[in-house]
């Protein structure tokens, strides 16, 4: 599906980040369009490897995602211009083969890679910015499930902060991830580990934290990995059960975010993936109603704009992190 052209969202910081755009299983040799920071991007495979082009033919502005991959080139559907995997035009059918091709006849190529069952794109090319780490997805002792993608009419920093909000579980997800009668949050600290931020373990009473109907006093450890990627790892102190979740987001347009979730667990391998996916769908839908109601839509980085408690330490750390990086999309 080709989207109506939207304004690019300028952010020098996020343009250097690896942002999720699709599930690996959904990307084939047939080009498709995705949105990244308001830019239309064509993604596809060639010889098994993922590629990402700006979804624009330099000739007449046609969407390259309407074209096809043929003989190692991406073929424009309008006039058949052929672009090599480095973006250089190598054939213009309307002119004789011996005639030289203008040096400006080159498509913009973005960085593309795969990890954790997701395709990631970087608008700055093959950036040295590290990908958010999620070792459980590659650990044979864990089973991973992909959930989403969830598209919501909210700014990405608000979506991320909602994920990091410890004290909303008892109210927004009552009967599942928390109970109002157990609303008090134990004091905790957020630690700057150099590569990421991580909390102390936080004990939370949860009536049904994964859809199995099992009450668990989970111990949560939250991590801020990248400006658009966060995770938590929760463990049952009475067993060896561990449940870990990565949420990676991409701002697709102004006040529009797509979120991809990877769930990894070291238990219940005999249980159907659909059970965990349906549970996560329910949880995200509960969060969505809150996200759509928040004002201002942009996340305030000035800590004087909203009130904060000790239980908000993680949210405060996230806001300060975004400010230190100089992120501008979705913040105020």
C-alpha atoms as a PDB file:
ATOM      1  CA  UNK A   1       0.000   0.000   0.000  1.00  0.00           C
ATOM      2  CA  UNK A   2       1.416   3.385  -1.035  1.00  0.00           C
ATOM      3  CA  UNK A   3       1.001   6.127   1.549  1.00  0.00           C
ATOM      4  CA  UNK A   4       0.177   9.717   0.761  1.00  0.00           C
ATOM      5  CA  UNK A   5       3.375  11.743   0.886  1.00  0.00           C
ATOM      6  CA  UNK A   6       3.862  13.195   4.364  1.00  0.00           C
ATOM      7  CA  UNK A   7       6.346  15.722   5.657  1.00  0.00           C
ATOM      8  CA  UNK A   8       9.697  14.358   6.770  1.00  0.00           C
ATOM      9  CA  UNK A   9      10.344  14.583  10.506  1.00  0.00           C
ATOM     10  CA  UNK A  10      13.757  16.152  10.908  1.00  0.00           C
ATOM     11  CA  UNK A  11      15.759  14.756  13.825  1.00  0.00           C
ATOM     12  CA  UNK A  12      19.556  14.422  13.436  1.00  0.00           C
ATOM     13  CA  UNK A  13      19.677  12.064  16.427  1.00  0.00           C
ATOM     14  CA  UNK A  14      16.976   9.614  15.324  1.00  0.00           C
ATOM     15  CA  UNK A  15      18.253   9.664  11.736  1.00  0.00           C
ATOM     16  CA  UNK A  16      21.367   7.932  13.107  1.00  0.00           C
ATOM     17  CA  UNK A  17      19.321   5.297  14.963  1.00  0.00           C
ATOM     18  CA  UNK A  18      18.341   1.811  13.815  1.00  0.00           C
ATOM     19  CA  UNK A  19      14.543   1.868  13.789  1.00  0.00           C
ATOM     20  CA  UNK A  20      12.203  -1.131  13.312  1.00  0.00           C
ATOM     21  CA  UNK A  21      10.085  -1.146  10.157  1.00  0.00           C
ATOM     22  CA  UNK A  22       8.751  -4.688   9.615  1.00  0.00           C
ATOM     23  CA  UNK A  23       8.874  -8.294  10.721  1.00  0.00           C
ATOM     24  CA  UNK A  24      11.559 -10.250   8.858  1.00  0.00           C
ATOM     25  CA  UNK A  25       9.018 -12.904   7.891  1.00  0.00           C
ATOM     26  CA  UNK A  26       7.024 -10.304   5.930  1.00  0.00           C
ATOM     27  CA  UNK A  27       9.857  -8.956   3.765  1.00  0.00           C
ATOM     28  CA  UNK A  28      10.333 -10.694   0.401  1.00  0.00           C
ATOM     29  CA  UNK A  29      11.719  -9.866  -3.052  1.00  0.00           C
ATOM     30  CA  UNK A  30       8.502  -7.967  -3.724  1.00  0.00           C
ATOM     31  CA  UNK A  31       9.179  -4.360  -2.658  1.00  0.00           C
ATOM     32  CA  UNK A  32       6.918  -2.803  -0.050  1.00  0.00           C
ATOM     33  CA  UNK A  33       6.621   0.669   1.395  1.00  0.00           C
ATOM     34  CA  UNK A  34       7.228   1.523   5.039  1.00  0.00           C
ATOM     35  CA  UNK A  35       7.393   4.892   6.787  1.00  0.00           C
ATOM     36  CA  UNK A  36      10.390   6.100   8.813  1.00  0.00           C
ATOM     37  CA  UNK A  37      10.438   9.594  10.328  1.00  0.00           C
ATOM     38  CA  UNK A  38       7.916  10.721   7.727  1.00  0.00           C
ATOM     39  CA  UNK A  39      10.015   9.329   4.853  1.00  0.00           C
ATOM     40  CA  UNK A  40       8.631   6.751   2.445  1.00  0.00           C
ATOM     41  CA  UNK A  41      11.057   3.837   2.284  1.00  0.00           C
ATOM     42  CA  UNK A  42      11.001   0.821  -0.053  1.00  0.00           C
ATOM     43  CA  UNK A  43      12.240  -2.415   1.536  1.00  0.00           C
ATOM     44  CA  UNK A  44      12.851  -5.749  -0.187  1.00  0.00           C
ATOM     45  CA  UNK A  45      15.177  -8.734  -0.342  1.00  0.00           C
ATOM     46  CA  UNK A  46      17.820  -9.636  -2.865  1.00  0.00           C
ATOM     47  CA  UNK A  47      19.647 -12.951  -2.450  1.00  0.00           C
ATOM     48  CA  UNK A  48      18.191 -13.167   1.048  1.00  0.00           C
ATOM     49  CA  UNK A  49      19.553  -9.836   2.244  1.00  0.00           C
ATOM     50  CA  UNK A  50      17.283  -6.931   3.141  1.00  0.00           C
ATOM     51  CA  UNK A  51      17.698  -3.595   1.366  1.00  0.00           C
ATOM     52  CA  UNK A  52      16.128  -0.170   1.915  1.00  0.00           C
ATOM     53  CA  UNK A  53      15.796   2.606  -0.687  1.00  0.00           C
ATOM     54  CA  UNK A  54      14.158   5.970  -0.507  1.00  0.00           C
ATOM     55  CA  UNK A  55      10.837   5.220  -2.167  1.00  0.00           C
ATOM     56  CA  UNK A  56      11.438   7.657  -4.993  1.00  0.00           C
ATOM     57  CA  UNK A  57      12.731   7.297  -8.536  1.00  0.00           C
ATOM     58  CA  UNK A  58      15.033  10.229  -9.340  1.00  0.00           C
ATOM     59  CA  UNK A  59      13.503  10.490 -12.840  1.00  0.00           C
ATOM     60  CA  UNK A  60       9.844  11.335 -12.279  1.00  0.00           C
ATOM     61  CA  UNK A  61       9.281  10.755  -8.585  1.00  0.00           C
ATOM     62  CA  UNK A  62       7.551   7.392  -8.865  1.00  0.00           C
ATOM     63  CA  UNK A  63       7.402   5.078  -5.847  1.00  0.00           C
ATOM     64  CA  UNK A  64      10.031   2.375  -6.347  1.00  0.00           C
ATOM     65  CA  UNK A  65       8.024   0.087  -4.062  1.00  0.00           C
ATOM     66  CA  UNK A  66       5.625  -0.345  -7.016  1.00  0.00           C
ATOM     67  CA  UNK A  67       8.467  -1.853  -9.029  1.00  0.00           C
ATOM     68  CA  UNK A  68      10.199  -5.228  -8.929  1.00  0.00           C
ATOM     69  CA  UNK A  69      13.547  -6.838  -8.245  1.00  0.00           C
ATOM     70  CA  UNK A  70      15.081  -8.265 -11.410  1.00  0.00           C
ATOM     71  CA  UNK A  71      18.623  -9.355 -12.331  1.00  0.00           C
ATOM     72  CA  UNK A  72      20.130  -7.758  -9.245  1.00  0.00           C
ATOM     73  CA  UNK A  73      18.400  -4.415  -9.744  1.00  0.00           C
ATOM     74  CA  UNK A  74      15.358  -2.577  -8.446  1.00  0.00           C
ATOM     75  CA  UNK A  75      13.274  -1.696 -11.506  1.00  0.00           C
ATOM     76  CA  UNK A  76      11.160   1.458 -11.524  1.00  0.00           C
ATOM     77  CA  UNK A  77       7.576   0.685 -12.645  1.00  0.00           C
ATOM     78  CA  UNK A  78       7.182   3.922 -14.638  1.00  0.00           C
ATOM     79  CA  UNK A  79      10.012   3.933 -17.202  1.00  0.00           C
ATOM     80  CA  UNK A  80      11.984   0.814 -16.295  1.00  0.00           C
ATOM     81  CA  UNK A  81      15.042   2.534 -14.866  1.00  0.00           C
ATOM     82  CA  UNK A  82      17.209  -0.054 -13.138  1.00  0.00           C
ATOM     83  CA  UNK A  83      19.003   0.689  -9.890  1.00  0.00           C
ATOM     84  CA  UNK A  84      21.810  -1.507  -8.569  1.00  0.00           C
ATOM     85  CA  UNK A  85      21.860  -2.406  -4.873  1.00  0.00           C
ATOM     86  CA  UNK A  86      24.165   0.578  -4.204  1.00  0.00           C
ATOM     87  CA  UNK A  87      21.508   2.874  -5.694  1.00  0.00           C
ATOM     88  CA  UNK A  88      23.331   3.687  -8.912  1.00  0.00           C
ATOM     89  CA  UNK A  89      21.177   3.630 -12.048  1.00  0.00           C
ATOM     90  CA  UNK A  90      22.700   1.086 -14.419  1.00  0.00           C
ATOM     91  CA  UNK A  91      20.119   1.041 -17.226  1.00  0.00           C
ATOM     92  CA  UNK A  92      17.737   3.562 -18.795  1.00  0.00           C
ATOM     93  CA  UNK A  93      15.674   1.691 -21.424  1.00  0.00           C
ATOM     94  CA  UNK A  94      14.615   4.895 -23.225  1.00  0.00           C
ATOM     95  CA  UNK A  95      18.169   5.617 -24.358  1.00  0.00           C
ATOM     96  CA  UNK A  96      20.690   3.509 -26.320  1.00  0.00           C
ATOM     97  CA  UNK A  97      22.718   1.102 -24.152  1.00  0.00           C
ATOM     98  CA  UNK A  98      25.997   2.712 -25.238  1.00  0.00           C
ATOM     99  CA  UNK A  99      24.894   6.169 -24.069  1.00  0.00           C
ATOM    100  CA  UNK A 100      26.319   7.147 -20.694  1.00  0.00           C
ATOM    101  CA  UNK A 101      24.021   7.372 -17.699  1.00  0.00           C
ATOM    102  CA  UNK A 102      24.036  10.682 -15.796  1.00  0.00           C
ATOM    103  CA  UNK A 103      26.003  10.457 -12.546  1.00  0.00           C
ATOM    104  CA  UNK A 104      23.057  12.044 -10.729  1.00  0.00           C
ATOM    105  CA  UNK A 105      20.878   9.101 -11.724  1.00  0.00           C
ATOM    106  CA  UNK A 106      21.160   7.447  -8.334  1.00  0.00           C
ATOM    107  CA  UNK A 107      18.565   6.391  -5.789  1.00  0.00           C
ATOM    108  CA  UNK A 108      19.092   7.082  -2.088  1.00  0.00           C
ATOM    109  CA  UNK A 109      20.022   3.916  -0.205  1.00  0.00           C
ATOM    110  CA  UNK A 110      19.481   3.551   3.545  1.00  0.00           C
ATOM    111  CA  UNK A 111      21.032   1.169   6.030  1.00  0.00           C
ATOM    112  CA  UNK A 112      19.127  -2.083   6.558  1.00  0.00           C
ATOM    113  CA  UNK A 113      19.721  -5.061   8.826  1.00  0.00           C
ATOM    114  CA  UNK A 114      17.869  -7.867  10.610  1.00  0.00           C
ATOM    115  CA  UNK A 115      17.823  -8.850  14.277  1.00  0.00           C
ATOM    116  CA  UNK A 116      15.354 -10.471  16.695  1.00  0.00           C
ATOM    117  CA  UNK A 117      12.919 -11.242  13.867  1.00  0.00           C
ATOM    118  CA  UNK A 118      12.711  -7.567  12.850  1.00  0.00           C
ATOM    119  CA  UNK A 119      13.997  -5.489   9.942  1.00  0.00           C
ATOM    120  CA  UNK A 120      15.726  -2.278  11.036  1.00  0.00           C
ATOM    121  CA  UNK A 121      16.429   0.795   8.891  1.00  0.00           C
ATOM    122  CA  UNK A 122      18.792   3.703   9.474  1.00  0.00           C
ATOM    123  CA  UNK A 123      18.244   6.796   7.341  1.00  0.00           C
ATOM    124  CA  UNK A 124      21.893   7.817   7.795  1.00  0.00           C
ATOM    125  CA  UNK A 125      23.110   4.643   6.076  1.00  0.00           C
ATOM    126  CA  UNK A 126      25.166   1.953   7.786  1.00  0.00           C
ATOM    127  CA  UNK A 127      25.415   3.871  11.031  1.00  0.00           C
ATOM    128  CA  UNK A 128      27.842   2.881  13.767  1.00  0.00           C
ATOM    129  CA  UNK A 129      25.072   3.448  16.288  1.00  0.00           C
ATOM    130  CA  UNK A 130      24.628   0.142  18.166  1.00  0.00           C
ATOM    131  CA  UNK A 131      21.423  -1.814  17.860  1.00  0.00           C
ATOM    132  CA  UNK A 132      19.433  -2.204  21.055  1.00  0.00           C
ATOM    133  CA  UNK A 133      20.638  -5.451  22.706  1.00  0.00           C
ATOM    134  CA  UNK A 134      18.118  -8.207  23.399  1.00  0.00           C
ATOM    135  CA  UNK A 135      20.087 -11.424  24.081  1.00  0.00           C
ATOM    136  CA  UNK A 136      17.039 -13.526  24.991  1.00  0.00           C
ATOM    137  CA  UNK A 137      15.911 -13.507  21.352  1.00  0.00           C
ATOM    138  CA  UNK A 138      19.045 -15.442  20.440  1.00  0.00           C
ATOM    139  CA  UNK A 139      19.207 -17.641  23.565  1.00  0.00           C
ATOM    140  CA  UNK A 140      18.266 -21.280  22.985  1.00  0.00           C
ATOM    141  CA  UNK A 141      16.814 -21.405  26.511  1.00  0.00           C
ATOM    142  CA  UNK A 142      14.159 -18.864  25.527  1.00  0.00           C
ATOM    143  CA  UNK A 143      11.274 -18.966  23.087  1.00  0.00           C
ATOM    144  CA  UNK A 144      10.380 -15.713  21.342  1.00  0.00           C
ATOM    145  CA  UNK A 145       7.069 -14.421  20.005  1.00  0.00           C
ATOM    146  CA  UNK A 146       6.571 -11.367  17.792  1.00  0.00           C
ATOM    147  CA  UNK A 147       3.630  -9.101  18.619  1.00  0.00           C
ATOM    148  CA  UNK A 148       2.129  -6.185  16.698  1.00  0.00           C
ATOM    149  CA  UNK A 149       2.974  -4.147  14.872  1.00  0.00           C
ATOM    150  CA  UNK A 150       0.834  -1.680  16.761  1.00  0.00           C
ATOM    151  CA  UNK A 151       0.203   1.696  15.124  1.00  0.00           C
ATOM    152  CA  UNK A 152      -1.062   4.365  17.475  1.00  0.00           C
ATOM    153  CA  UNK A 153      -1.861   8.058  17.106  1.00  0.00           C
ATOM    154  CA  UNK A 154       0.641   9.194  19.708  1.00  0.00           C
ATOM    155  CA  UNK A 155       4.210  10.456  19.778  1.00  0.00           C
ATOM    156  CA  UNK A 156       6.880   7.775  20.191  1.00  0.00           C
ATOM    157  CA  UNK A 157       8.377   9.192  23.424  1.00  0.00           C
ATOM    158  CA  UNK A 158       4.927   9.033  25.046  1.00  0.00           C
ATOM    159  CA  UNK A 159       4.598   5.396  23.915  1.00  0.00           C
ATOM    160  CA  UNK A 160       8.040   4.572  25.315  1.00  0.00           C
ATOM    161  CA  UNK A 161       7.394   6.304  28.625  1.00  0.00           C
ATOM    162  CA  UNK A 162       4.104   4.437  29.011  1.00  0.00           C
ATOM    163  CA  UNK A 163       6.092   1.182  28.723  1.00  0.00           C
ATOM    164  CA  UNK A 164       8.450   2.414  31.451  1.00  0.00           C
ATOM    165  CA  UNK A 165       5.671   3.603  33.786  1.00  0.00           C
ATOM    166  CA  UNK A 166       5.714   1.287  36.792  1.00  0.00           C
ATOM    167  CA  UNK A 167       2.716   2.647  38.684  1.00  0.00           C
ATOM    168  CA  UNK A 168       0.110   2.492  35.898  1.00  0.00           C
ATOM    169  CA  UNK A 169      -0.009  -1.318  35.879  1.00  0.00           C
ATOM    170  CA  UNK A 170      -2.448  -1.491  38.799  1.00  0.00           C
ATOM    171  CA  UNK A 171      -4.967   0.852  37.175  1.00  0.00           C
ATOM    172  CA  UNK A 172      -4.807   0.543  33.400  1.00  0.00           C
ATOM    173  CA  UNK A 173      -4.216  -3.223  33.527  1.00  0.00           C
ATOM    174  CA  UNK A 174      -6.197  -4.042  36.662  1.00  0.00           C
ATOM    175  CA  UNK A 175      -6.678  -7.774  37.173  1.00  0.00           C
ATOM    176  CA  UNK A 176      -3.831  -8.593  34.814  1.00  0.00           C
ATOM    177  CA  UNK A 177      -0.580  -6.750  35.526  1.00  0.00           C
ATOM    178  CA  UNK A 178      -1.615  -5.274  38.862  1.00  0.00           C
ATOM    179  CA  UNK A 179      -4.262  -4.547  41.477  1.00  0.00           C
ATOM    180  CA  UNK A 180      -5.242  -1.210  43.067  1.00  0.00           C
ATOM    181  CA  UNK A 181      -4.935  -2.835  46.501  1.00  0.00           C
ATOM    182  CA  UNK A 182      -1.216  -3.342  45.737  1.00  0.00           C
ATOM    183  CA  UNK A 183      -0.536   0.073  44.200  1.00  0.00           C
ATOM    184  CA  UNK A 184       2.427   1.131  46.342  1.00  0.00           C
ATOM    185  CA  UNK A 185       5.729   1.005  44.449  1.00  0.00           C
ATOM    186  CA  UNK A 186       8.848   0.008  46.396  1.00  0.00           C
ATOM    187  CA  UNK A 187      11.607   2.604  46.266  1.00  0.00           C
ATOM    188  CA  UNK A 188      14.141   1.915  43.526  1.00  0.00           C
ATOM    189  CA  UNK A 189      17.056   3.538  41.729  1.00  0.00           C
ATOM    190  CA  UNK A 190      17.919   3.969  38.049  1.00  0.00           C
ATOM    191  CA  UNK A 191      21.549   3.233  37.192  1.00  0.00           C
ATOM    192  CA  UNK A 192      23.525   4.676  34.283  1.00  0.00           C
ATOM    193  CA  UNK A 193      25.579   1.703  33.096  1.00  0.00           C
ATOM    194  CA  UNK A 194      27.284   3.596  30.299  1.00  0.00           C
ATOM    195  CA  UNK A 195      25.656   1.708  27.432  1.00  0.00           C
ATOM    196  CA  UNK A 196      22.142   1.841  28.871  1.00  0.00           C
ATOM    197  CA  UNK A 197      20.059   2.647  31.943  1.00  0.00           C
ATOM    198  CA  UNK A 198      18.721  -0.047  34.263  1.00  0.00           C
ATOM    199  CA  UNK A 199      16.589  -0.131  37.402  1.00  0.00           C
ATOM    200  CA  UNK A 200      16.929  -2.114  40.575  1.00  0.00           C
ATOM    201  CA  UNK A 201      14.524  -5.068  40.690  1.00  0.00           C
ATOM    202  CA  UNK A 202      11.027  -3.782  41.502  1.00  0.00           C
ATOM    203  CA  UNK A 203       8.595  -6.189  43.193  1.00  0.00           C
ATOM    204  CA  UNK A 204       5.080  -5.998  41.708  1.00  0.00           C
ATOM    205  CA  UNK A 205       2.051  -8.128  42.598  1.00  0.00           C
ATOM    206  CA  UNK A 206       0.437  -9.368  39.377  1.00  0.00           C
ATOM    207  CA  UNK A 207      -2.814 -11.392  39.248  1.00  0.00           C
ATOM    208  CA  UNK A 208      -2.329 -12.672  35.680  1.00  0.00           C
ATOM    209  CA  UNK A 209       0.857 -11.272  34.118  1.00  0.00           C
ATOM    210  CA  UNK A 210       0.964 -13.374  30.939  1.00  0.00           C
ATOM    211  CA  UNK A 211      -2.523 -14.771  30.370  1.00  0.00           C
ATOM    212  CA  UNK A 212      -2.016 -18.093  32.170  1.00  0.00           C
ATOM    213  CA  UNK A 213      -4.176 -17.084  35.150  1.00  0.00           C
ATOM    214  CA  UNK A 214      -1.239 -17.501  37.538  1.00  0.00           C
ATOM    215  CA  UNK A 215      -0.640 -15.000  40.358  1.00  0.00           C
ATOM    216  CA  UNK A 216       3.016 -13.948  40.538  1.00  0.00           C
ATOM    217  CA  UNK A 217       4.935 -11.436  42.632  1.00  0.00           C
ATOM    218  CA  UNK A 218       7.194 -10.550  39.751  1.00  0.00           C
ATOM    219  CA  UNK A 219      10.491  -8.749  40.088  1.00  0.00           C
ATOM    220  CA  UNK A 220      10.872  -6.247  37.234  1.00  0.00           C
ATOM    221  CA  UNK A 221      14.138  -4.855  35.896  1.00  0.00           C
ATOM    222  CA  UNK A 222      13.524  -2.084  33.328  1.00  0.00           C
ATOM    223  CA  UNK A 223      16.138  -0.952  30.807  1.00  0.00           C
ATOM    224  CA  UNK A 224      16.360   2.114  28.563  1.00  0.00           C
ATOM    225  CA  UNK A 225      18.433   0.785  25.664  1.00  0.00           C
ATOM    226  CA  UNK A 226      18.109   3.439  22.950  1.00  0.00           C
ATOM    227  CA  UNK A 227      15.875   6.516  22.578  1.00  0.00           C
ATOM    228  CA  UNK A 228      13.264   4.425  20.731  1.00  0.00           C
ATOM    229  CA  UNK A 229      13.952   0.989  22.315  1.00  0.00           C
ATOM    230  CA  UNK A 230      13.256  -0.239  25.832  1.00  0.00           C
ATOM    231  CA  UNK A 231      12.893  -3.560  27.582  1.00  0.00           C
ATOM    232  CA  UNK A 232      11.977  -5.202  30.836  1.00  0.00           C
ATOM    233  CA  UNK A 233      12.919  -8.552  32.278  1.00  0.00           C
ATOM    234  CA  UNK A 234      10.635  -9.917  34.969  1.00  0.00           C
ATOM    235  CA  UNK A 235      11.296 -13.005  37.031  1.00  0.00           C
ATOM    236  CA  UNK A 236       9.309 -15.091  39.469  1.00  0.00           C
ATOM    237  CA  UNK A 237      11.349 -15.290  42.708  1.00  0.00           C
ATOM    238  CA  UNK A 238       9.679 -18.617  43.573  1.00  0.00           C
ATOM    239  CA  UNK A 239      10.640 -20.321  40.289  1.00  0.00           C
ATOM    240  CA  UNK A 240      13.165 -20.030  37.491  1.00  0.00           C
ATOM    241  CA  UNK A 241      10.596 -18.480  35.150  1.00  0.00           C
ATOM    242  CA  UNK A 242      11.763 -15.398  33.268  1.00  0.00           C
ATOM    243  CA  UNK A 243       9.690 -13.260  30.908  1.00  0.00           C
ATOM    244  CA  UNK A 244      11.465 -10.582  28.891  1.00  0.00           C
ATOM    245  CA  UNK A 245      10.033  -7.995  26.511  1.00  0.00           C
ATOM    246  CA  UNK A 246      11.635  -5.664  23.985  1.00  0.00           C
ATOM    247  CA  UNK A 247       9.591  -2.797  22.600  1.00  0.00           C
ATOM    248  CA  UNK A 248      11.067  -0.961  19.618  1.00  0.00           C
ATOM    249  CA  UNK A 249       9.250   1.997  18.104  1.00  0.00           C
ATOM    250  CA  UNK A 250       9.500   4.092  14.954  1.00  0.00           C
ATOM    251  CA  UNK A 251       7.900   7.513  14.466  1.00  0.00           C
ATOM    252  CA  UNK A 252       6.133   7.078  11.120  1.00  0.00           C
ATOM    253  CA  UNK A 253       4.570  10.543  10.922  1.00  0.00           C
ATOM    254  CA  UNK A 254       3.703  13.440  13.185  1.00  0.00           C
ATOM    255  CA  UNK A 255       1.849  12.023  16.190  1.00  0.00           C
ATOM    256  CA  UNK A 256       1.914   8.558  14.677  1.00  0.00           C
ATOM    257  CA  UNK A 257       4.044   5.692  16.001  1.00  0.00           C
ATOM    258  CA  UNK A 258       4.461   2.044  15.146  1.00  0.00           C
ATOM    259  CA  UNK A 259       5.554  -0.305  17.926  1.00  0.00           C
ATOM    260  CA  UNK A 260       7.059  -3.767  17.514  1.00  0.00           C
ATOM    261  CA  UNK A 261       7.241  -6.126  20.483  1.00  0.00           C
ATOM    262  CA  UNK A 262       9.384  -9.226  20.991  1.00  0.00           C
ATOM    263  CA  UNK A 263       8.386 -11.453  23.912  1.00  0.00           C
ATOM    264  CA  UNK A 264      10.845 -14.068  25.157  1.00  0.00           C
ATOM    265  CA  UNK A 265      10.206 -16.617  27.900  1.00  0.00           C
ATOM    266  CA  UNK A 266      12.064 -19.632  29.302  1.00  0.00           C
ATOM    267  CA  UNK A 267       8.920 -21.561  30.251  1.00  0.00           C
ATOM    268  CA  UNK A 268       5.649 -22.818  28.783  1.00  0.00           C
ATOM    269  CA  UNK A 269       7.142 -23.927  25.472  1.00  0.00           C
ATOM    270  CA  UNK A 270       4.117 -26.185  24.978  1.00  0.00           C
ATOM    271  CA  UNK A 271       1.716 -23.243  25.150  1.00  0.00           C
ATOM    272  CA  UNK A 272       0.510 -21.709  21.869  1.00  0.00           C
ATOM    273  CA  UNK A 273       2.129 -18.468  20.756  1.00  0.00           C
ATOM    274  CA  UNK A 274      -1.341 -17.131  19.945  1.00  0.00           C
ATOM    275  CA  UNK A 275      -2.170 -17.107  23.667  1.00  0.00           C
ATOM    276  CA  UNK A 276       0.685 -14.705  24.430  1.00  0.00           C
ATOM    277  CA  UNK A 277       0.015 -12.625  21.329  1.00  0.00           C
ATOM    278  CA  UNK A 278      -3.670 -12.182  22.214  1.00  0.00           C
ATOM    279  CA  UNK A 279      -2.728 -11.207  25.757  1.00  0.00           C
ATOM    280  CA  UNK A 280      -0.281  -8.588  24.504  1.00  0.00           C
ATOM    281  CA  UNK A 281      -2.872  -7.248  22.047  1.00  0.00           C
ATOM    282  CA  UNK A 282      -5.239  -6.730  24.977  1.00  0.00           C
ATOM    283  CA  UNK A 283      -2.610  -4.993  27.109  1.00  0.00           C
ATOM    284  CA  UNK A 284      -1.590  -2.653  24.296  1.00  0.00           C
ATOM    285  CA  UNK A 285      -5.199  -1.735  23.541  1.00  0.00           C
ATOM    286  CA  UNK A 286      -5.624  -0.745  27.181  1.00  0.00           C
ATOM    287  CA  UNK A 287      -2.536   1.463  26.960  1.00  0.00           C
ATOM    288  CA  UNK A 288      -3.691   2.973  23.665  1.00  0.00           C
ATOM    289  CA  UNK A 289      -6.736   4.660  25.180  1.00  0.00           C
ATOM    290  CA  UNK A 290      -4.484   6.369  27.721  1.00  0.00           C
ATOM    291  CA  UNK A 291      -1.917   7.411  25.105  1.00  0.00           C
ATOM    292  CA  UNK A 292      -4.580   9.000  22.914  1.00  0.00           C
ATOM    293  CA  UNK A 293      -5.841  11.060  25.863  1.00  0.00           C
ATOM    294  CA  UNK A 294      -2.535  12.548  27.031  1.00  0.00           C
ATOM    295  CA  UNK A 295      -1.873  16.284  26.706  1.00  0.00           C
ATOM    296  CA  UNK A 296       0.361  17.726  25.604  1.00  0.00           C
ATOM    297  CA  UNK A 297       0.851  15.136  22.899  1.00  0.00           C
ATOM    298  CA  UNK A 298       4.601  15.752  23.016  1.00  0.00           C
ATOM    299  CA  UNK A 299       6.551  14.467  26.023  1.00  0.00           C
ATOM    300  CA  UNK A 300       7.608  17.455  28.194  1.00  0.00           C
ATOM    301  CA  UNK A 301      11.353  17.392  28.868  1.00  0.00           C
ATOM    302  CA  UNK A 302      11.066  20.307  31.292  1.00  0.00           C
ATOM    303  CA  UNK A 303      10.456  18.475  34.562  1.00  0.00           C
ATOM    304  CA  UNK A 304       8.550  21.494  35.916  1.00  0.00           C
ATOM    305  CA  UNK A 305       5.707  21.005  33.411  1.00  0.00           C
ATOM    306  CA  UNK A 306       4.293  17.881  35.108  1.00  0.00           C
ATOM    307  CA  UNK A 307       4.398  16.562  38.676  1.00  0.00           C
ATOM    308  CA  UNK A 308       6.720  13.697  39.556  1.00  0.00           C
ATOM    309  CA  UNK A 309       7.002  11.177  42.387  1.00  0.00           C
ATOM    310  CA  UNK A 310       9.727   8.764  43.507  1.00  0.00           C
ATOM    311  CA  UNK A 311       7.942   6.059  41.539  1.00  0.00           C
ATOM    312  CA  UNK A 312       8.508   8.169  38.394  1.00  0.00           C
ATOM    313  CA  UNK A 313      12.303   7.962  38.625  1.00  0.00           C
ATOM    314  CA  UNK A 314      12.494   5.819  35.487  1.00  0.00           C
ATOM    315  CA  UNK A 315      10.352   8.229  33.462  1.00  0.00           C
ATOM    316  CA  UNK A 316      12.470  11.125  34.682  1.00  0.00           C
ATOM    317  CA  UNK A 317      15.631   9.295  33.621  1.00  0.00           C
ATOM    318  CA  UNK A 318      14.158   8.710  30.174  1.00  0.00           C
ATOM    319  CA  UNK A 319      13.246  12.384  29.730  1.00  0.00           C
ATOM    320  CA  UNK A 320      16.708  13.467  30.837  1.00  0.00           C
ATOM    321  CA  UNK A 321      18.267  10.942  28.454  1.00  0.00           C
ATOM    322  CA  UNK A 322      16.304  12.296  25.472  1.00  0.00           C
ATOM    323  CA  UNK A 323      17.264  15.843  26.409  1.00  0.00           C
ATOM    324  CA  UNK A 324      20.959  14.928  26.690  1.00  0.00           C
ATOM    325  CA  UNK A 325      20.884  13.327  23.238  1.00  0.00           C
ATOM    326  CA  UNK A 326      19.102  16.253  21.648  1.00  0.00           C
ATOM    327  CA  UNK A 327      16.079  14.295  20.384  1.00  0.00           C
ATOM    328  CA  UNK A 328      13.446  16.666  18.980  1.00  0.00           C
ATOM    329  CA  UNK A 329      10.711  14.426  17.569  1.00  0.00           C
ATOM    330  CA  UNK A 330       7.790  13.924  19.931  1.00  0.00           C
ATOM    331  CA  UNK A 331       9.149  16.054  22.769  1.00  0.00           C
ATOM    332  CA  UNK A 332       8.434  19.534  24.067  1.00  0.00           C
END
